[in-house]
Amino acid sequence: MNIEDIQNTIEGMLAVQRGLQESQLKLQESQIKLHDEQLKLNQALEQLLNLHITHEIKHIDYEERLLQLTRRIENLEKN
């Protein structure tokens, strides 16, 4: 093996290493994007859950009011 062969081998190895590093960088960037999207989805889910809980609380409150009104009507009808 002469000097040119060694140099070509080293250049090839460096090219492979560069390609691997570029691939790793792209992978890291896509992982960061996925993480950001996951955070956004988690926030949206949390908002939906809060809206659902608020809706359920209002629904229960309305049911309680309706029950109270029904009882008042029954009491008025008895008297």
PDB file of N, CA and C in Angstrom:
ATOM      1  N   MET A   1       0.843  -1.166   0.000  1.00  0.00           N
ATOM      2  CA  MET A   1       0.000   0.000   0.000  1.00  0.00           C
ATOM      3  C   MET A   1       0.896   1.240   0.000  1.00  0.00           C
ATOM      4  N   ASN A   2       0.664   2.088  -0.969  1.00  0.00           N
ATOM      5  CA  ASN A   2       1.488   3.299  -1.034  1.00  0.00           C
ATOM      6  C   ASN A   2       0.763   4.461  -0.352  1.00  0.00           C
ATOM      7  N   ILE A   3       1.397   5.615  -0.381  1.00  0.00           N
ATOM      8  CA  ILE A   3       0.872   6.791   0.316  1.00  0.00           C
ATOM      9  C   ILE A   3      -0.471   7.218  -0.279  1.00  0.00           C
ATOM     10  N   GLU A   4      -0.619   7.152  -1.595  1.00  0.00           N
ATOM     11  CA  GLU A   4      -1.888   7.542  -2.220  1.00  0.00           C
ATOM     12  C   GLU A   4      -3.022   6.631  -1.784  1.00  0.00           C
ATOM     13  N   ASP A   5      -2.743   5.332  -1.689  1.00  0.00           N
ATOM     14  CA  ASP A   5      -3.769   4.383  -1.241  1.00  0.00           C
ATOM     15  C   ASP A   5      -4.196   4.681   0.196  1.00  0.00           C
ATOM     16  N   ILE A   6      -3.202   4.969   1.030  1.00  0.00           N
ATOM     17  CA  ILE A   6      -3.499   5.295   2.432  1.00  0.00           C
ATOM     18  C   ILE A   6      -4.321   6.582   2.504  1.00  0.00           C
ATOM     19  N   GLN A   7      -3.911   7.576   1.705  1.00  0.00           N
ATOM     20  CA  GLN A   7      -4.629   8.853   1.695  1.00  0.00           C
ATOM     21  C   GLN A   7      -6.063   8.657   1.193  1.00  0.00           C
ATOM     22  N   ASN A   8      -6.239   7.879   0.151  1.00  0.00           N
ATOM     23  CA  ASN A   8      -7.582   7.601  -0.371  1.00  0.00           C
ATOM     24  C   ASN A   8      -8.439   6.859   0.657  1.00  0.00           C
ATOM     25  N   THR A   9      -7.826   5.924   1.360  1.00  0.00           N
ATOM     26  CA  THR A   9      -8.542   5.181   2.399  1.00  0.00           C
ATOM     27  C   THR A   9      -8.989   6.116   3.518  1.00  0.00           C
ATOM     28  N   ILE A  10      -8.075   6.989   3.944  1.00  0.00           N
ATOM     29  CA  ILE A  10      -8.397   7.949   5.010  1.00  0.00           C
ATOM     30  C   ILE A  10      -9.491   8.907   4.545  1.00  0.00           C
ATOM     31  N   GLU A  11      -9.400   9.391   3.306  1.00  0.00           N
ATOM     32  CA  GLU A  11     -10.430  10.286   2.774  1.00  0.00           C
ATOM     33  C   GLU A  11     -11.787   9.591   2.725  1.00  0.00           C
ATOM     34  N   GLY A  12     -11.772   8.327   2.338  1.00  0.00           N
ATOM     35  CA  GLY A  12     -13.020   7.552   2.312  1.00  0.00           C
ATOM     36  C   GLY A  12     -13.599   7.386   3.706  1.00  0.00           C
ATOM     37  N   MET A  13     -12.727   7.101   4.665  1.00  0.00           N
ATOM     38  CA  MET A  13     -13.179   6.950   6.050  1.00  0.00           C
ATOM     39  C   MET A  13     -13.748   8.267   6.580  1.00  0.00           C
ATOM     40  N   LEU A  14     -13.084   9.369   6.249  1.00  0.00           N
ATOM     41  CA  LEU A  14     -13.560  10.683   6.688  1.00  0.00           C
ATOM     42  C   LEU A  14     -14.901  11.023   6.040  1.00  0.00           C
ATOM     43  N   ALA A  15     -15.067  10.644   4.784  1.00  0.00           N
ATOM     44  CA  ALA A  15     -16.335  10.894   4.096  1.00  0.00           C
ATOM     45  C   ALA A  15     -17.464  10.102   4.758  1.00  0.00           C
ATOM     46  N   VAL A  16     -17.169   8.857   5.114  1.00  0.00           N
ATOM     47  CA  VAL A  16     -18.169   8.036   5.802  1.00  0.00           C
ATOM     48  C   VAL A  16     -18.510   8.657   7.152  1.00  0.00           C
ATOM     49  N   GLN A  17     -17.473   9.095   7.882  1.00  0.00           N
ATOM     50  CA  GLN A  17     -17.688   9.715   9.186  1.00  0.00           C
ATOM     51  C   GLN A  17     -18.519  11.000   9.052  1.00  0.00           C
ATOM     52  N   ARG A  18     -18.218  11.802   8.046  1.00  0.00           N
ATOM     53  CA  ARG A  18     -18.968  13.032   7.801  1.00  0.00           C
ATOM     54  C   ARG A  18     -20.435  12.711   7.508  1.00  0.00           C
ATOM     55  N   GLY A  19     -20.648  11.701   6.687  1.00  0.00           N
ATOM     56  CA  GLY A  19     -22.019  11.286   6.375  1.00  0.00           C
ATOM     57  C   GLY A  19     -22.765  10.828   7.620  1.00  0.00           C
ATOM     58  N   LEU A  20     -22.080  10.076   8.470  1.00  0.00           N
ATOM     59  CA  LEU A  20     -22.704   9.627   9.716  1.00  0.00           C
ATOM     60  C   LEU A  20     -23.051  10.805  10.620  1.00  0.00           C
ATOM     61  N   GLN A  21     -22.146  11.760  10.715  1.00  0.00           N
ATOM     62  CA  GLN A  21     -22.392  12.930  11.556  1.00  0.00           C
ATOM     63  C   GLN A  21     -23.568  13.748  11.025  1.00  0.00           C
ATOM     64  N   GLU A  22     -23.647  13.897   9.707  1.00  0.00           N
ATOM     65  CA  GLU A  22     -24.773  14.622   9.116  1.00  0.00           C
ATOM     66  C   GLU A  22     -26.089  13.897   9.391  1.00  0.00           C
ATOM     67  N   SER A  23     -26.062  12.575   9.286  1.00  0.00           N
ATOM     68  CA  SER A  23     -27.267  11.785   9.571  1.00  0.00           C
ATOM     69  C   SER A  23     -27.669  11.921  11.032  1.00  0.00           C
ATOM     70  N   GLN A  24     -26.683  11.897  11.922  1.00  0.00           N
ATOM     71  CA  GLN A  24     -26.973  12.051  13.348  1.00  0.00           C
ATOM     72  C   GLN A  24     -27.563  13.429  13.637  1.00  0.00           C
ATOM     73  N   LEU A  25     -27.040  14.449  12.989  1.00  0.00           N
ATOM     74  CA  LEU A  25     -27.549  15.804  13.181  1.00  0.00           C
ATOM     75  C   LEU A  25     -28.999  15.907  12.708  1.00  0.00           C
ATOM     76  N   LYS A  26     -29.285  15.326  11.537  1.00  0.00           N
ATOM     77  CA  LYS A  26     -30.662  15.333  11.032  1.00  0.00           C
ATOM     78  C   LYS A  26     -31.591  14.582  11.982  1.00  0.00           C
ATOM     79  N   LEU A  27     -31.112  13.463  12.507  1.00  0.00           N
ATOM     80  CA  LEU A  27     -31.913  12.682  13.448  1.00  0.00           C
ATOM     81  C   LEU A  27     -32.195  13.485  14.715  1.00  0.00           C
ATOM     82  N   GLN A  28     -31.176  14.155  15.236  1.00  0.00           N
ATOM     83  CA  GLN A  28     -31.362  14.985  16.432  1.00  0.00           C
ATOM     84  C   GLN A  28     -32.356  16.112  16.167  1.00  0.00           C
ATOM     85  N   GLU A  29     -32.248  16.734  15.006  1.00  0.00           N
ATOM     86  CA  GLU A  29     -33.177  17.817  14.657  1.00  0.00           C
ATOM     87  C   GLU A  29     -34.609  17.302  14.562  1.00  0.00           C
ATOM     88  N   SER A  30     -34.784  16.130  13.966  1.00  0.00           N
ATOM     89  CA  SER A  30     -36.139  15.580  13.854  1.00  0.00           C
ATOM     90  C   SER A  30     -36.666  15.167  15.227  1.00  0.00           C
ATOM     91  N   GLN A  31     -35.787  14.691  16.109  1.00  0.00           N
ATOM     92  CA  GLN A  31     -36.213  14.350  17.464  1.00  0.00           C
ATOM     93  C   GLN A  31     -36.653  15.603  18.221  1.00  0.00           C
ATOM     94  N   ILE A  32     -35.950  16.700  18.028  1.00  0.00           N
ATOM     95  CA  ILE A  32     -36.324  17.962  18.670  1.00  0.00           C
ATOM     96  C   ILE A  32     -37.684  18.422  18.155  1.00  0.00           C
ATOM     97  N   LYS A  33     -37.887  18.322  16.830  1.00  0.00           N
ATOM     98  CA  LYS A  33     -39.181  18.708  16.257  1.00  0.00           C
ATOM     99  C   LYS A  33     -40.303  17.832  16.800  1.00  0.00           C
ATOM    100  N   LEU A  34     -40.049  16.522  16.892  1.00  0.00           N
ATOM    101  CA  LEU A  34     -41.057  15.612  17.431  1.00  0.00           C
ATOM    102  C   LEU A  34     -41.370  15.947  18.886  1.00  0.00           C
ATOM    103  N   HIS A  35     -40.342  16.264  19.643  1.00  0.00           N
ATOM    104  CA  HIS A  35     -40.537  16.632  21.050  1.00  0.00           C
ATOM    105  C   HIS A  35     -41.387  17.894  21.156  1.00  0.00           C
ATOM    106  N   ASP A  36     -41.089  18.883  20.317  1.00  0.00           N
ATOM    107  CA  ASP A  36     -41.876  20.122  20.318  1.00  0.00           C
ATOM    108  C   ASP A  36     -43.337  19.849  19.957  1.00  0.00           C
ATOM    109  N   GLU A  37     -43.555  19.003  18.960  1.00  0.00           N
ATOM    110  CA  GLU A  37     -44.920  18.650  18.564  1.00  0.00           C
ATOM    111  C   GLU A  37     -45.630  17.904  19.688  1.00  0.00           C
ATOM    112  N   GLN A  38     -44.890  17.036  20.377  1.00  0.00           N
ATOM    113  CA  GLN A  38     -45.477  16.303  21.497  1.00  0.00           C
ATOM    114  C   GLN A  38     -45.903  17.270  22.599  1.00  0.00           C
ATOM    115  N   LEU A  39     -45.087  18.270  22.875  1.00  0.00           N
ATOM    116  CA  LEU A  39     -45.446  19.276  23.877  1.00  0.00           C
ATOM    117  C   LEU A  39     -46.714  20.024  23.471  1.00  0.00           C
ATOM    118  N   LYS A  40     -46.801  20.387  22.190  1.00  0.00           N
ATOM    119  CA  LYS A  40     -47.997  21.083  21.700  1.00  0.00           C
ATOM    120  C   LYS A  40     -49.236  20.203  21.835  1.00  0.00           C
ATOM    121  N   LEU A  41     -49.091  18.926  21.489  1.00  0.00           N
ATOM    122  CA  LEU A  41     -50.221  18.004  21.603  1.00  0.00           C
ATOM    123  C   LEU A  41     -50.631  17.812  23.058  1.00  0.00           C
ATOM    124  N   ASN A  42     -49.645  17.736  23.943  1.00  0.00           N
ATOM    125  CA  ASN A  42     -49.953  17.604  25.367  1.00  0.00           C
ATOM    126  C   ASN A  42     -50.701  18.830  25.881  1.00  0.00           C
ATOM    127  N   GLN A  43     -50.296  20.006  25.430  1.00  0.00           N
ATOM    128  CA  GLN A  43     -50.986  21.235  25.838  1.00  0.00           C
ATOM    129  C   GLN A  43     -52.417  21.249  25.311  1.00  0.00           C
ATOM    130  N   ALA A  44     -52.587  20.831  24.067  1.00  0.00           N
ATOM    131  CA  ALA A  44     -53.931  20.788  23.482  1.00  0.00           C
ATOM    132  C   ALA A  44     -54.805  19.786  24.234  1.00  0.00           C
ATOM    133  N   LEU A  45     -54.233  18.638  24.572  1.00  0.00           N
ATOM    134  CA  LEU A  45     -54.974  17.626  25.322  1.00  0.00           C
ATOM    135  C   LEU A  45     -55.363  18.157  26.699  1.00  0.00           C
ATOM    136  N   GLU A  46     -54.448  18.846  27.346  1.00  0.00           N
ATOM    137  CA  GLU A  46     -54.740  19.420  28.660  1.00  0.00           C
ATOM    138  C   GLU A  46     -55.874  20.445  28.568  1.00  0.00           C
ATOM    139  N   GLN A  47     -55.856  21.258  27.522  1.00  0.00           N
ATOM    140  CA  GLN A  47     -56.933  22.234  27.329  1.00  0.00           C
ATOM    141  C   GLN A  47     -58.273  21.534  27.104  1.00  0.00           C
ATOM    142  N   LEU A  48     -58.253  20.474  26.295  1.00  0.00           N
ATOM    143  CA  LEU A  48     -59.488  19.728  26.050  1.00  0.00           C
ATOM    144  C   LEU A  48     -60.018  19.095  27.331  1.00  0.00           C
ATOM    145  N   LEU A  49     -59.117  18.546  28.126  1.00  0.00           N
ATOM    146  CA  LEU A  49     -59.543  17.947  29.391  1.00  0.00           C
ATOM    147  C   LEU A  49     -60.134  18.997  30.323  1.00  0.00           C
ATOM    148  N   ASN A  50     -59.496  20.153  30.375  1.00  0.00           N
ATOM    149  CA  ASN A  50     -60.023  21.230  31.214  1.00  0.00           C
ATOM    150  C   ASN A  50     -61.404  21.677  30.738  1.00  0.00           C
ATOM    151  N   LEU A  51     -61.568  21.782  29.420  1.00  0.00           N
ATOM    152  CA  LEU A  51     -62.883  22.144  28.882  1.00  0.00           C
ATOM    153  C   LEU A  51     -63.932  21.086  29.216  1.00  0.00           C
ATOM    154  N   HIS A  52     -63.529  19.829  29.109  1.00  0.00           N
ATOM    155  CA  HIS A  52     -64.448  18.731  29.418  1.00  0.00           C
ATOM    156  C   HIS A  52     -64.850  18.778  30.891  1.00  0.00           C
ATOM    157  N   ILE A  53     -63.873  18.975  31.765  1.00  0.00           N
ATOM    158  CA  ILE A  53     -64.159  19.043  33.200  1.00  0.00           C
ATOM    159  C   ILE A  53     -65.088  20.217  33.492  1.00  0.00           C
ATOM    160  N   THR A  54     -64.803  21.365  32.881  1.00  0.00           N
ATOM    161  CA  THR A  54     -65.654  22.542  33.071  1.00  0.00           C
ATOM    162  C   THR A  54     -67.076  22.255  32.601  1.00  0.00           C
ATOM    163  N   HIS A  55     -67.186  21.606  31.450  1.00  0.00           N
ATOM    164  CA  HIS A  55     -68.509  21.255  30.919  1.00  0.00           C
ATOM    165  C   HIS A  55     -69.241  20.316  31.877  1.00  0.00           C
ATOM    166  N   GLU A  56     -68.541  19.322  32.397  1.00  0.00           N
ATOM    167  CA  GLU A  56     -69.162  18.372  33.320  1.00  0.00           C
ATOM    168  C   GLU A  56     -69.626  19.068  34.595  1.00  0.00           C
ATOM    169  N   ILE A  57     -68.811  19.983  35.100  1.00  0.00           N
ATOM    170  CA  ILE A  57     -69.184  20.726  36.310  1.00  0.00           C
ATOM    171  C   ILE A  57     -70.448  21.541  36.050  1.00  0.00           C
ATOM    172  N   LYS A  58     -70.497  22.224  34.909  1.00  0.00           N
ATOM    173  CA  LYS A  58     -71.693  23.003  34.560  1.00  0.00           C
ATOM    174  C   LYS A  58     -72.909  22.093  34.418  1.00  0.00           C
ATOM    175  N   HIS A  59     -72.698  20.932  33.806  1.00  0.00           N
ATOM    176  CA  HIS A  59     -73.795  19.986  33.612  1.00  0.00           C
ATOM    177  C   HIS A  59     -74.337  19.523  34.964  1.00  0.00           C
ATOM    178  N   ILE A  60     -73.451  19.184  35.873  1.00  0.00           N
ATOM    179  CA  ILE A  60     -73.867  18.759  37.214  1.00  0.00           C
ATOM    180  C   ILE A  60     -74.595  19.899  37.920  1.00  0.00           C
ATOM    181  N   ASP A  61     -74.065  21.116  37.780  1.00  0.00           N
ATOM    182  CA  ASP A  61     -74.701  22.281  38.396  1.00  0.00           C
ATOM    183  C   ASP A  61     -76.113  22.475  37.850  1.00  0.00           C
ATOM    184  N   TYR A  62     -76.274  22.341  36.544  1.00  0.00           N
ATOM    185  CA  TYR A  62     -77.601  22.484  35.938  1.00  0.00           C
ATOM    186  C   TYR A  62     -78.549  21.390  36.424  1.00  0.00           C
ATOM    187  N   GLU A  63     -78.024  20.175  36.563  1.00  0.00           N
ATOM    188  CA  GLU A  63     -78.858  19.081  37.063  1.00  0.00           C
ATOM    189  C   GLU A  63     -79.318  19.362  38.492  1.00  0.00           C
ATOM    190  N   GLU A  64     -78.400  19.888  39.311  1.00  0.00           N
ATOM    191  CA  GLU A  64     -78.757  20.224  40.690  1.00  0.00           C
ATOM    192  C   GLU A  64     -79.808  21.329  40.725  1.00  0.00           C
ATOM    193  N   ARG A  65     -79.652  22.332  39.888  1.00  0.00           N
ATOM    194  CA  ARG A  65     -80.638  23.420  39.831  1.00  0.00           C
ATOM    195  C   ARG A  65     -82.001  22.901  39.378  1.00  0.00           C
ATOM    196  N   LEU A  66     -81.978  22.030  38.380  1.00  0.00           N
ATOM    197  CA  LEU A  66     -83.227  21.451  37.891  1.00  0.00           C
ATOM    198  C   LEU A  66     -83.901  20.632  38.986  1.00  0.00           C
ATOM    199  N   LEU A  67     -83.123  19.876  39.725  1.00  0.00           N
ATOM    200  CA  LEU A  67     -83.667  19.090  40.828  1.00  0.00           C
ATOM    201  C   LEU A  67     -84.270  20.004  41.898  1.00  0.00           C
ATOM    202  N   GLN A  68     -83.577  21.091  42.218  1.00  0.00           N
ATOM    203  CA  GLN A  68     -84.097  22.048  43.201  1.00  0.00           C
ATOM    204  C   GLN A  68     -85.406  22.669  42.715  1.00  0.00           C
ATOM    205  N   LEU A  69     -85.439  23.049  41.449  1.00  0.00           N
ATOM    206  CA  LEU A  69     -86.670  23.624  40.899  1.00  0.00           C
ATOM    207  C   LEU A  69     -87.815  22.615  40.911  1.00  0.00           C
ATOM    208  N   THR A  70     -87.490  21.377  40.584  1.00  0.00           N
ATOM    209  CA  THR A  70     -88.504  20.323  40.602  1.00  0.00           C
ATOM    210  C   THR A  70     -89.055  20.153  42.011  1.00  0.00           C
ATOM    211  N   ARG A  71     -88.191  20.163  43.000  1.00  0.00           N
ATOM    212  CA  ARG A  71     -88.631  20.035  44.393  1.00  0.00           C
ATOM    213  C   ARG A  71     -89.492  21.232  44.806  1.00  0.00           C
ATOM    214  N   ARG A  72     -89.100  22.420  44.389  1.00  0.00           N
ATOM    215  CA  ARG A  72     -89.892  23.613  44.714  1.00  0.00           C
ATOM    216  C   ARG A  72     -91.291  23.519  44.104  1.00  0.00           C
ATOM    217  N   ILE A  73     -91.328  23.076  42.855  1.00  0.00           N
ATOM    218  CA  ILE A  73     -92.626  22.924  42.185  1.00  0.00           C
ATOM    219  C   ILE A  73     -93.478  21.898  42.924  1.00  0.00           C
ATOM    220  N   GLU A  74     -92.860  20.792  43.315  1.00  0.00           N
ATOM    221  CA  GLU A  74     -93.594  19.760  44.050  1.00  0.00           C
ATOM    222  C   GLU A  74     -94.114  20.312  45.374  1.00  0.00           C
ATOM    223  N   ASN A  75     -93.275  21.084  46.063  1.00  0.00           N
ATOM    224  CA  ASN A  75     -93.700  21.683  47.333  1.00  0.00           C
ATOM    225  C   ASN A  75     -94.837  22.679  47.118  1.00  0.00           C
ATOM    226  N   LEU A  76     -94.739  23.465  46.054  1.00  0.00           N
ATOM    227  CA  LEU A  76     -95.804  24.416  45.757  1.00  0.00           C
ATOM    228  C   LEU A  76     -97.109  23.702  45.412  1.00  0.00           C
ATOM    229  N   GLU A  77     -97.001  22.608  44.706  1.00  0.00           N
ATOM    230  CA  GLU A  77     -98.192  21.852  44.328  1.00  0.00           C
ATOM    231  C   GLU A  77     -98.836  21.196  45.544  1.00  0.00           C
ATOM    232  N   LYS A  78     -98.032  20.814  46.527  1.00  0.00           N
ATOM    233  CA  LYS A  78     -98.566  20.198  47.743  1.00  0.00           C
ATOM    234  C   LYS A  78     -99.304  21.229  48.584  1.00  0.00           C
ATOM    235  N   ASN A  79     -98.809  22.428  48.567  1.00  0.00           N
ATOM    236  CA  ASN A  79     -99.415  23.474  49.400  1.00  0.00           C
ATOM    237  C   ASN A  79    -100.538  24.082  48.637  1.00  0.00           C
TER     238      ASN A  79
END
